Amino acid sequence: FPVTISIICQLFLDKRFERLTEPKLGSIWVYPAKTDSKGDIIKHGHILVQMTLDGLASNNSFGLHKGKFTVNYTIEQARKEFVVNRGLKEYIYGFKD
């Protein structure tokens, strides 16, 4: 399985977490990779952590902060890139209150 799918399985099974309809600080945003009928990845997914009210952080793959965990998306930017542009599903998890 692609890493993003196994992360969703772990979050679903771990009773400390719940799927959220409204994001909050510390939320884990998962965009699972899209695969073809043979299981080959055709669109790469991504995992982010909500660090501020509108800032999502992940491993930065490009530019000055390459290889560092930085706030590199707003919520709007992430949704545009992963849902609109790549056609991926969005899952948001957080610790149960």
Protein backbone atom coordinates (compact mmCIF):
# COMPACT_ATOMS: atom_id res chain seq x y z
CA PHE A 1 0.00 0.00 0.00
CA PRO A 2 1.14 3.56 -0.53
CA VAL A 3 2.22 5.22 2.71
CA THR A 4 -0.73 7.63 2.78
CA ILE A 5 -3.26 4.76 2.72
CA SER A 6 -1.50 2.91 5.55
CA ILE A 7 -1.49 6.15 7.60
CA ILE A 8 -5.28 6.44 7.20
CA CYS A 9 -5.65 2.82 8.35
CA GLN A 10 -3.51 3.49 11.44
CA LEU A 11 -5.42 6.67 12.32
CA PHE A 12 -8.75 4.89 11.83
CA LEU A 13 -7.72 1.98 14.06
CA ASP A 14 -6.10 4.10 16.78
CA LYS A 15 -8.87 4.98 19.23
CA ARG A 16 -7.05 8.17 20.29
CA PHE A 17 -7.91 9.73 16.90
CA GLU A 18 -11.14 10.61 15.16
CA ARG A 19 -12.01 11.84 11.69
CA LEU A 20 -12.83 15.53 11.79
CA THR A 21 -15.33 17.55 9.80
CA GLU A 22 -13.79 20.81 11.06
CA PRO A 23 -10.00 21.10 11.25
CA LYS A 24 -8.21 22.28 14.37
CA LEU A 25 -4.63 22.91 15.44
CA GLY A 26 -2.64 19.70 15.32
CA SER A 27 -4.95 18.06 12.78
CA ILE A 28 -3.39 15.54 10.43
CA TRP A 29 -4.42 16.12 6.82
CA VAL A 30 -4.07 13.08 4.55
CA TYR A 31 -4.42 13.09 0.79
CA PRO A 32 -3.98 9.44 -0.27
CA ALA A 33 -2.18 8.66 -3.49
CA LYS A 34 -4.34 7.71 -6.46
CA THR A 35 -3.53 4.33 -8.01
CA ASP A 36 -4.50 2.56 -11.20
CA SER A 37 -6.13 -0.88 -11.43
CA LYS A 38 -2.71 -2.56 -11.02
CA GLY A 39 -1.94 -0.60 -7.85
CA ASP A 40 0.66 1.64 -9.46
CA ILE A 41 0.66 5.23 -8.20
CA ILE A 42 -0.62 7.65 -10.82
CA LYS A 43 -1.00 10.71 -8.54
CA HIS A 44 1.18 11.17 -5.47
CA GLY A 45 -0.53 11.98 -2.19
CA HIS A 46 0.66 14.03 0.75
CA ILE A 47 0.40 14.27 4.54
CA LEU A 48 0.35 17.59 6.40
CA VAL A 49 -0.03 18.78 9.99
CA GLN A 50 -2.03 21.88 10.87
CA MET A 51 0.38 24.21 12.70
CA THR A 52 -1.63 27.47 12.69
CA LEU A 53 -5.25 28.39 12.01
CA ASP A 54 -4.51 28.42 8.28
CA GLY A 55 -1.00 26.95 8.00
CA LEU A 56 -0.26 23.33 7.07
CA ALA A 57 3.23 21.91 7.41
CA SER A 58 4.98 18.99 5.74
CA ASN A 59 8.34 17.93 4.45
CA ASN A 60 9.38 20.56 1.94
CA SER A 61 10.68 18.94 -1.24
CA PHE A 62 11.84 22.05 -3.07
CA GLY A 63 13.60 25.39 -2.77
CA LEU A 64 15.40 27.04 0.10
CA HIS A 65 13.81 24.82 2.78
CA LYS A 66 14.22 21.51 0.89
CA GLY A 67 14.14 18.56 3.27
CA LYS A 68 12.80 20.58 6.20
CA PHE A 69 9.43 20.36 7.95
CA THR A 70 7.91 23.76 7.28
CA VAL A 71 4.54 25.47 6.94
CA ASN A 72 4.27 25.32 3.17
CA TYR A 73 0.52 25.41 2.42
CA THR A 74 -2.52 27.35 3.51
CA ILE A 75 -5.71 25.30 3.75
CA GLU A 76 -6.93 26.83 0.50
CA GLN A 77 -3.63 26.09 -1.29
CA ALA A 78 -3.61 22.47 -0.10
CA ARG A 79 -7.18 21.86 -1.21
CA LYS A 80 -6.52 23.45 -4.59
CA GLU A 81 -3.36 21.40 -5.17
CA PHE A 82 -4.48 18.01 -3.89
CA VAL A 83 -8.27 17.94 -4.38
CA VAL A 84 -8.80 20.20 -7.39
CA ASN A 85 -5.55 19.73 -9.35
CA ARG A 86 -4.71 16.10 -8.46
CA GLY A 87 -8.23 14.80 -7.83
CA LEU A 88 -7.32 13.25 -4.46
CA LYS A 89 -9.62 12.60 -1.51
CA GLU A 90 -9.13 14.56 1.71
CA TYR A 91 -9.12 13.03 5.19
CA ILE A 92 -8.59 15.08 8.36
CA TYR A 93 -7.87 13.41 11.69
CA GLY A 94 -7.25 14.78 15.15
CA PHE A 95 -6.96 13.64 18.75
CA LYS A 96 -10.28 12.98 20.42
CA ASP A 97 -11.24 15.67 22.92
